[in-house]
Amino acid sequence: EKLKSKANAFVLIEKKITIENDDFEASFRYSTSSGMCVLHNSKSFILTAGHVCDVDNKQRDIAAAAFADVASIELDKKTKIGVRFEATMLDGKKANIRITRFVNNNVDLCVLEFVGENQCDNYVRLAASVPDELSNAHVYSAPLGIFYKGTIILLDGRYIGYGPDEKMVFTLPATHGSSGSAVLDDNSDVISVLESTIKEFNHVALGSNFDKLKAYIEDK
C-alpha cells in the first residue's frame, strides 16, 4: 500500500533538442529517462542519474542535423541548437525542468528542479540505512519510454549486495529509459538510483552506492 501511494512521485524526464533561428523554432525528443520527486530536510527536488543530464554537443548536433534533413529545415550559422528538459507527471501534466546539480567524479547522480511552480504531487524520502542483502527492492520506471497517463510500471526484485565500483546490485529488469529510477525499499524510501544494466542479461541492474547517494543528497 505504501508503494502504491508513491506512484505519483514518479517523473518521466524527456531530453529535448531545440533548434532556433530567425525563420523557425522547433524541438524534438532526444531521449527519455526516469526520475523521482524527493523530499529531504524540507527541500524538494527531482533525483535521477547523472548521465541523464549529460549533454554531448557532438551527438546533439548530429541529431539536430538529421532532424533538419527530415523536416527540410536549413541550418545556417545563425541557427542556435540547444537542449532542454521536460518533466511529465503521472497525471499527464508537463513542465520544464532545469539542472541544479550535476554529476561529479564520484557519483552518477543529478538533481533537477521545476522552472516555475513545483509540480510534484508526492515525494519519497531517503532511507535511514542500507538494506540487508536479499531485501526487497522496487522501482517505478519508464523503460523504453513506456509511460501512460495515470499508469506507471512498478518492477520488483531484490538487493543482492555490492558489485563493481561499490555499486549496488539488484535483480531488477532495466533497459534504456530505466536510468534514474529511484530504487525503493518496502517502506517506499530511496536506497539507490539505477545507473546501468547488464547488456547480456538485463534482469540485473546496477545502482548508486547508498552511502555516496546519502552524502550527495545531504551535501545538496
C-alpha atoms as a PDB file:
ATOM      1  CA  GLU A   1       0.000   0.000   0.000  1.00  0.00           C
ATOM      2  CA  LYS A   2       2.900   2.358   0.783  1.00  0.00           C
ATOM      3  CA  LEU A   3       4.405   1.690  -2.637  1.00  0.00           C
ATOM      4  CA  LYS A   4       1.088   2.309  -4.381  1.00  0.00           C
ATOM      5  CA  SER A   5       0.762   5.689  -2.690  1.00  0.00           C
ATOM      6  CA  LYS A   6       4.134   6.819  -4.090  1.00  0.00           C
ATOM      7  CA  ALA A   7       3.374   6.238  -7.778  1.00  0.00           C
ATOM      8  CA  ASN A   8       2.606   9.925  -8.290  1.00  0.00           C
ATOM      9  CA  ALA A   9       6.116  10.866  -7.136  1.00  0.00           C
ATOM     10  CA  PHE A  10       7.446   9.432 -10.418  1.00  0.00           C
ATOM     11  CA  VAL A  11       8.689  11.792 -13.119  1.00  0.00           C
ATOM     12  CA  LEU A  12       9.248  10.922 -16.786  1.00  0.00           C
ATOM     13  CA  ILE A  13      12.214  13.003 -17.939  1.00  0.00           C
ATOM     14  CA  GLU A  14      12.494  13.951 -21.605  1.00  0.00           C
ATOM     15  CA  LYS A  15      15.674  15.432 -23.020  1.00  0.00           C
ATOM     16  CA  LYS A  16      14.727  17.606 -25.982  1.00  0.00           C
ATOM     17  CA  ILE A  17      16.922  19.217 -28.607  1.00  0.00           C
ATOM     18  CA  THR A  18      15.890  22.719 -29.647  1.00  0.00           C
ATOM     19  CA  ILE A  19      16.599  24.381 -32.991  1.00  0.00           C
ATOM     20  CA  GLU A  20      16.043  28.095 -33.451  1.00  0.00           C
ATOM     21  CA  ASN A  21      16.866  30.790 -35.993  1.00  0.00           C
ATOM     22  CA  ASP A  22      15.168  33.833 -37.499  1.00  0.00           C
ATOM     23  CA  ASP A  23      12.723  31.743 -39.540  1.00  0.00           C
ATOM     24  CA  PHE A  24      11.628  28.931 -37.239  1.00  0.00           C
ATOM     25  CA  GLU A  25      11.738  27.329 -33.817  1.00  0.00           C
ATOM     26  CA  ALA A  26      11.446  23.577 -33.279  1.00  0.00           C
ATOM     27  CA  SER A  27      12.195  20.904 -30.695  1.00  0.00           C
ATOM     28  CA  PHE A  28      12.174  17.111 -30.677  1.00  0.00           C
ATOM     29  CA  ARG A  29      12.607  14.365 -28.124  1.00  0.00           C
ATOM     30  CA  TYR A  30      16.129  13.004 -27.983  1.00  0.00           C
ATOM     31  CA  SER A  31      15.824  10.562 -25.069  1.00  0.00           C
ATOM     32  CA  THR A  32      13.632   9.590 -22.104  1.00  0.00           C
ATOM     33  CA  SER A  33      14.646   8.621 -18.588  1.00  0.00           C
ATOM     34  CA  SER A  34      13.129   8.083 -15.169  1.00  0.00           C
ATOM     35  CA  GLY A  35      13.217  10.248 -12.060  1.00  0.00           C
ATOM     36  CA  MET A  36      11.525  10.720  -8.716  1.00  0.00           C
ATOM     37  CA  CYS A  37      10.394  13.658  -6.602  1.00  0.00           C
ATOM     38  CA  VAL A  38      12.373  13.554  -3.363  1.00  0.00           C
ATOM     39  CA  LEU A  39      11.902  15.454  -0.102  1.00  0.00           C
ATOM     40  CA  HIS A  40      14.929  15.783   2.182  1.00  0.00           C
ATOM     41  CA  ASN A  41      15.457  18.242   5.034  1.00  0.00           C
ATOM     42  CA  SER A  42      12.401  20.219   3.892  1.00  0.00           C
ATOM     43  CA  LYS A  43      13.856  20.623   0.381  1.00  0.00           C
ATOM     44  CA  SER A  44      12.188  19.046  -2.653  1.00  0.00           C
ATOM     45  CA  PHE A  45      13.839  18.156  -5.956  1.00  0.00           C
ATOM     46  CA  ILE A  46      13.849  15.636  -8.806  1.00  0.00           C
ATOM     47  CA  LEU A  47      16.510  12.956  -8.470  1.00  0.00           C
ATOM     48  CA  THR A  48      17.856  10.999 -11.441  1.00  0.00           C
ATOM     49  CA  ALA A  49      21.092   9.521 -12.809  1.00  0.00           C
ATOM     50  CA  GLY A  50      23.916  11.872 -13.717  1.00  0.00           C
ATOM     51  CA  HIS A  51      24.282  10.674 -17.298  1.00  0.00           C
ATOM     52  CA  VAL A  52      20.632  11.595 -17.882  1.00  0.00           C
ATOM     53  CA  CYS A  53      21.672  15.245 -17.507  1.00  0.00           C
ATOM     54  CA  ASP A  54      24.811  14.880 -19.601  1.00  0.00           C
ATOM     55  CA  VAL A  55      24.839  16.696 -22.942  1.00  0.00           C
ATOM     56  CA  ASP A  56      27.199  15.541 -25.682  1.00  0.00           C
ATOM     57  CA  ASN A  57      27.380  18.521 -28.024  1.00  0.00           C
ATOM     58  CA  LYS A  58      28.642  16.435 -30.937  1.00  0.00           C
ATOM     59  CA  GLN A  59      25.781  13.937 -30.657  1.00  0.00           C
ATOM     60  CA  ARG A  60      23.350  16.821 -30.141  1.00  0.00           C
ATOM     61  CA  ASP A  61      24.438  18.474 -33.378  1.00  0.00           C
ATOM     62  CA  ILE A  62      24.316  15.201 -35.324  1.00  0.00           C
ATOM     63  CA  ALA A  63      20.739  14.577 -34.116  1.00  0.00           C
ATOM     64  CA  ALA A  64      19.740  18.152 -34.953  1.00  0.00           C
ATOM     65  CA  ALA A  65      21.158  17.818 -38.481  1.00  0.00           C
ATOM     66  CA  ALA A  66      19.263  14.552 -39.018  1.00  0.00           C
ATOM     67  CA  PHE A  67      16.020  16.139 -37.797  1.00  0.00           C
ATOM     68  CA  ALA A  68      16.552  19.175 -40.036  1.00  0.00           C
ATOM     69  CA  ASP A  69      17.145  16.938 -43.041  1.00  0.00           C
ATOM     70  CA  VAL A  70      13.902  15.010 -42.494  1.00  0.00           C
ATOM     71  CA  ALA A  71      11.953  18.199 -41.780  1.00  0.00           C
ATOM     72  CA  SER A  72      13.502  20.008 -44.771  1.00  0.00           C
ATOM     73  CA  ILE A  73      14.897  22.702 -42.491  1.00  0.00           C
ATOM     74  CA  GLU A  74      18.063  24.527 -43.457  1.00  0.00           C
ATOM     75  CA  LEU A  75      20.591  25.043 -40.666  1.00  0.00           C
ATOM     76  CA  ASP A  76      22.825  28.094 -41.057  1.00  0.00           C
ATOM     77  CA  LYS A  77      25.423  29.900 -38.953  1.00  0.00           C
ATOM     78  CA  LYS A  78      22.692  31.817 -37.128  1.00  0.00           C
ATOM     79  CA  THR A  79      20.926  28.632 -36.030  1.00  0.00           C
ATOM     80  CA  LYS A  80      21.039  28.006 -32.289  1.00  0.00           C
ATOM     81  CA  ILE A  81      20.997  24.366 -31.187  1.00  0.00           C
ATOM     82  CA  GLY A  82      20.324  23.668 -27.536  1.00  0.00           C
ATOM     83  CA  VAL A  83      18.956  21.166 -25.039  1.00  0.00           C
ATOM     84  CA  ARG A  84      16.112  21.454 -22.574  1.00  0.00           C
ATOM     85  CA  PHE A  85      14.492  19.040 -20.157  1.00  0.00           C
ATOM     86  CA  GLU A  86      10.779  18.398 -19.702  1.00  0.00           C
ATOM     87  CA  ALA A  87       9.009  16.500 -16.930  1.00  0.00           C
ATOM     88  CA  THR A  88       5.760  14.572 -17.283  1.00  0.00           C
ATOM     89  CA  MET A  89       3.943  13.689 -14.074  1.00  0.00           C
ATOM     90  CA  LEU A  90       1.712  10.668 -13.514  1.00  0.00           C
ATOM     91  CA  ASP A  91      -1.438  12.714 -14.160  1.00  0.00           C
ATOM     92  CA  GLY A  92      -0.062  13.793 -17.547  1.00  0.00           C
ATOM     93  CA  LYS A  93       0.807  17.376 -16.730  1.00  0.00           C
ATOM     94  CA  LYS A  94       4.060  18.623 -18.231  1.00  0.00           C
ATOM     95  CA  ALA A  95       6.561  21.214 -17.053  1.00  0.00           C
ATOM     96  CA  ASN A  96      10.019  22.429 -17.954  1.00  0.00           C
ATOM     97  CA  ILE A  97      12.783  21.456 -15.565  1.00  0.00           C
ATOM     98  CA  ARG A  98      16.420  22.508 -15.226  1.00  0.00           C
ATOM     99  CA  ILE A  99      19.595  21.056 -13.800  1.00  0.00           C
ATOM    100  CA  THR A 100      20.561  22.386 -10.385  1.00  0.00           C
ATOM    101  CA  ARG A 101      23.308  19.939  -9.501  1.00  0.00           C
ATOM    102  CA  PHE A 102      25.111  17.718 -11.962  1.00  0.00           C
ATOM    103  CA  VAL A 103      27.220  14.559 -11.741  1.00  0.00           C
ATOM    104  CA  ASN A 104      30.617  14.721 -10.086  1.00  0.00           C
ATOM    105  CA  ASN A 105      33.591  12.368 -10.257  1.00  0.00           C
ATOM    106  CA  ASN A 106      32.309  10.031  -7.545  1.00  0.00           C
ATOM    107  CA  VAL A 107      28.629   9.516  -8.315  1.00  0.00           C
ATOM    108  CA  ASP A 108      26.352   9.183 -11.335  1.00  0.00           C
ATOM    109  CA  LEU A 109      23.621  11.424  -9.964  1.00  0.00           C
ATOM    110  CA  CYS A 110      21.815  14.596 -10.973  1.00  0.00           C
ATOM    111  CA  VAL A 111      19.301  16.899  -9.306  1.00  0.00           C
ATOM    112  CA  LEU A 112      16.768  18.970 -11.262  1.00  0.00           C
ATOM    113  CA  GLU A 113      14.077  21.471 -10.291  1.00  0.00           C
ATOM    114  CA  PHE A 114      10.966  22.849 -11.927  1.00  0.00           C
ATOM    115  CA  VAL A 115      11.116  26.091 -13.864  1.00  0.00           C
ATOM    116  CA  GLY A 116       8.407  27.997 -12.034  1.00  0.00           C
ATOM    117  CA  GLU A 117       5.905  26.355  -9.699  1.00  0.00           C
ATOM    118  CA  ASN A 118       6.749  22.979  -8.170  1.00  0.00           C
ATOM    119  CA  GLN A 119       4.658  20.291  -9.887  1.00  0.00           C
ATOM    120  CA  CYS A 120       5.397  17.307  -7.614  1.00  0.00           C
ATOM    121  CA  ASP A 121       2.218  15.708  -6.276  1.00  0.00           C
ATOM    122  CA  ASN A 122       4.063  13.431  -3.858  1.00  0.00           C
ATOM    123  CA  TYR A 123       7.555  12.667  -2.608  1.00  0.00           C
ATOM    124  CA  VAL A 124       9.779   9.843  -1.462  1.00  0.00           C
ATOM    125  CA  ARG A 125      12.475  10.160   1.193  1.00  0.00           C
ATOM    126  CA  LEU A 126      15.969   8.797   1.627  1.00  0.00           C
ATOM    127  CA  ALA A 127      16.154   5.558   3.620  1.00  0.00           C
ATOM    128  CA  ALA A 128      17.808   5.651   7.046  1.00  0.00           C
ATOM    129  CA  SER A 129      20.336   2.955   6.163  1.00  0.00           C
ATOM    130  CA  VAL A 130      21.428   0.457   3.535  1.00  0.00           C
ATOM    131  CA  PRO A 131      19.124  -2.591   3.458  1.00  0.00           C
ATOM    132  CA  ASP A 132      20.146  -6.150   4.295  1.00  0.00           C
ATOM    133  CA  GLU A 133      21.192  -8.350   1.417  1.00  0.00           C
ATOM    134  CA  LEU A 134      18.266 -10.136  -0.269  1.00  0.00           C
ATOM    135  CA  SER A 135      15.879  -7.399   0.876  1.00  0.00           C
ATOM    136  CA  ASN A 136      13.048  -6.447  -1.466  1.00  0.00           C
ATOM    137  CA  ALA A 137      13.703  -3.677  -3.995  1.00  0.00           C
ATOM    138  CA  HIS A 138      11.172  -1.815  -6.121  1.00  0.00           C
ATOM    139  CA  VAL A 139      11.296   0.760  -8.931  1.00  0.00           C
ATOM    140  CA  TYR A 140       8.741   2.906 -10.669  1.00  0.00           C
ATOM    141  CA  SER A 141      10.226   3.170 -14.118  1.00  0.00           C
ATOM    142  CA  ALA A 142       9.625   4.019 -17.789  1.00  0.00           C
ATOM    143  CA  PRO A 143      11.814   1.522 -19.690  1.00  0.00           C
ATOM    144  CA  LEU A 144      11.997   2.433 -23.389  1.00  0.00           C
ATOM    145  CA  GLY A 145       9.855   5.443 -22.537  1.00  0.00           C
ATOM    146  CA  ILE A 146       6.836   3.243 -21.766  1.00  0.00           C
ATOM    147  CA  PHE A 147       4.545   5.563 -19.838  1.00  0.00           C
ATOM    148  CA  TYR A 148       0.784   6.139 -19.867  1.00  0.00           C
ATOM    149  CA  LYS A 149      -1.177   8.864 -18.140  1.00  0.00           C
ATOM    150  CA  GLY A 150      -2.308   7.503 -14.784  1.00  0.00           C
ATOM    151  CA  THR A 151      -0.310   4.278 -15.215  1.00  0.00           C
ATOM    152  CA  ILE A 152       3.338   3.613 -14.443  1.00  0.00           C
ATOM    153  CA  ILE A 153       5.316   0.375 -14.415  1.00  0.00           C
ATOM    154  CA  LEU A 154       6.292  -0.978 -10.982  1.00  0.00           C
ATOM    155  CA  LEU A 155       9.061  -3.588 -11.039  1.00  0.00           C
ATOM    156  CA  ASP A 156      10.104  -5.743  -8.099  1.00  0.00           C
ATOM    157  CA  GLY A 157      13.338  -7.551  -7.311  1.00  0.00           C
ATOM    158  CA  ARG A 158      15.983  -7.986  -4.643  1.00  0.00           C
ATOM    159  CA  TYR A 159      19.047  -6.161  -3.417  1.00  0.00           C
ATOM    160  CA  ILE A 160      21.828  -8.758  -3.559  1.00  0.00           C
ATOM    161  CA  GLY A 161      24.912  -6.818  -2.418  1.00  0.00           C
ATOM    162  CA  TYR A 162      27.709  -4.651  -3.756  1.00  0.00           C
ATOM    163  CA  GLY A 163      29.294  -5.165  -7.163  1.00  0.00           C
ATOM    164  CA  PRO A 164      31.882  -3.336  -9.284  1.00  0.00           C
ATOM    165  CA  ASP A 165      32.990   0.129  -8.081  1.00  0.00           C
ATOM    166  CA  GLU A 166      30.911  -0.365  -4.918  1.00  0.00           C
ATOM    167  CA  LYS A 167      27.682  -0.104  -6.884  1.00  0.00           C
ATOM    168  CA  MET A 168      24.606  -1.814  -5.508  1.00  0.00           C
ATOM    169  CA  VAL A 169      23.363  -4.846  -7.458  1.00  0.00           C
ATOM    170  CA  PHE A 170      19.660  -5.600  -7.919  1.00  0.00           C
ATOM    171  CA  THR A 171      17.652  -8.330  -9.609  1.00  0.00           C
ATOM    172  CA  LEU A 172      15.563  -5.705 -11.410  1.00  0.00           C
ATOM    173  CA  PRO A 173      14.788  -5.615 -15.149  1.00  0.00           C
ATOM    174  CA  ALA A 174      16.231  -2.497 -16.769  1.00  0.00           C
ATOM    175  CA  THR A 175      16.968  -1.097 -20.208  1.00  0.00           C
ATOM    176  CA  HIS A 176      17.144   2.269 -21.988  1.00  0.00           C
ATOM    177  CA  GLY A 177      14.825   4.676 -20.195  1.00  0.00           C
ATOM    178  CA  SER A 178      15.266   2.945 -16.838  1.00  0.00           C
ATOM    179  CA  SER A 179      18.227   5.135 -15.903  1.00  0.00           C
ATOM    180  CA  GLY A 180      17.440   7.426 -12.996  1.00  0.00           C
ATOM    181  CA  SER A 181      14.766   5.200 -11.461  1.00  0.00           C
ATOM    182  CA  ALA A 182      14.809   5.521  -7.684  1.00  0.00           C
ATOM    183  CA  VAL A 183      15.136   2.100  -6.050  1.00  0.00           C
ATOM    184  CA  LEU A 184      12.751   1.870  -3.095  1.00  0.00           C
ATOM    185  CA  ASP A 185      12.641  -0.420  -0.076  1.00  0.00           C
ATOM    186  CA  ASP A 186       9.421  -1.813   1.390  1.00  0.00           C
ATOM    187  CA  ASN A 187       8.869   1.496   3.213  1.00  0.00           C
ATOM    188  CA  SER A 188       8.981   3.350  -0.128  1.00  0.00           C
ATOM    189  CA  ASP A 189      12.238   5.026   0.902  1.00  0.00           C
ATOM    190  CA  VAL A 190      15.096   5.552  -1.588  1.00  0.00           C
ATOM    191  CA  ILE A 191      18.072   3.214  -1.261  1.00  0.00           C
ATOM    192  CA  SER A 192      19.709   3.735  -4.669  1.00  0.00           C
ATOM    193  CA  VAL A 193      19.300   5.156  -8.184  1.00  0.00           C
ATOM    194  CA  LEU A 194      19.559   2.899 -11.235  1.00  0.00           C
ATOM    195  CA  GLU A 195      22.608   3.635 -13.391  1.00  0.00           C
ATOM    196  CA  SER A 196      23.038   0.722 -15.780  1.00  0.00           C
ATOM    197  CA  THR A 197      22.179  -2.872 -16.598  1.00  0.00           C
ATOM    198  CA  ILE A 198      23.991  -5.972 -17.820  1.00  0.00           C
ATOM    199  CA  LYS A 199      23.571  -5.991 -21.618  1.00  0.00           C
ATOM    200  CA  GLU A 200      23.717  -9.756 -21.913  1.00  0.00           C
ATOM    201  CA  PHE A 201      21.212 -10.241 -19.068  1.00  0.00           C
ATOM    202  CA  ASN A 202      19.122  -7.157 -18.419  1.00  0.00           C
ATOM    203  CA  HIS A 203      17.382  -8.598 -15.379  1.00  0.00           C
ATOM    204  CA  VAL A 204      20.340  -7.453 -13.285  1.00  0.00           C
ATOM    205  CA  ALA A 205      20.772  -3.715 -12.693  1.00  0.00           C
ATOM    206  CA  LEU A 206      23.449  -1.616 -11.023  1.00  0.00           C
ATOM    207  CA  GLY A 207      22.594   1.346  -8.822  1.00  0.00           C
ATOM    208  CA  SER A 208      24.354   4.080  -6.911  1.00  0.00           C
ATOM    209  CA  ASN A 209      26.160   3.278  -3.685  1.00  0.00           C
ATOM    210  CA  PHE A 210      23.856   4.131  -0.766  1.00  0.00           C
ATOM    211  CA  ASP A 211      26.493   5.955   1.285  1.00  0.00           C
ATOM    212  CA  LYS A 212      27.556   8.035  -1.732  1.00  0.00           C
ATOM    213  CA  LEU A 213      23.921   8.759  -2.549  1.00  0.00           C
ATOM    214  CA  LYS A 214      23.293   9.900   1.016  1.00  0.00           C
ATOM    215  CA  ALA A 215      26.406  12.115   1.016  1.00  0.00           C
ATOM    216  CA  TYR A 216      25.396  13.606  -2.335  1.00  0.00           C
ATOM    217  CA  ILE A 217      21.866  14.449  -1.192  1.00  0.00           C
ATOM    218  CA  GLU A 218      22.918  15.806   2.212  1.00  0.00           C
ATOM    219  CA  ASP A 219      25.546  17.979   0.546  1.00  0.00           C
ATOM    220  CA  LYS A 220      22.985  19.379  -1.879  1.00  0.00           C
END
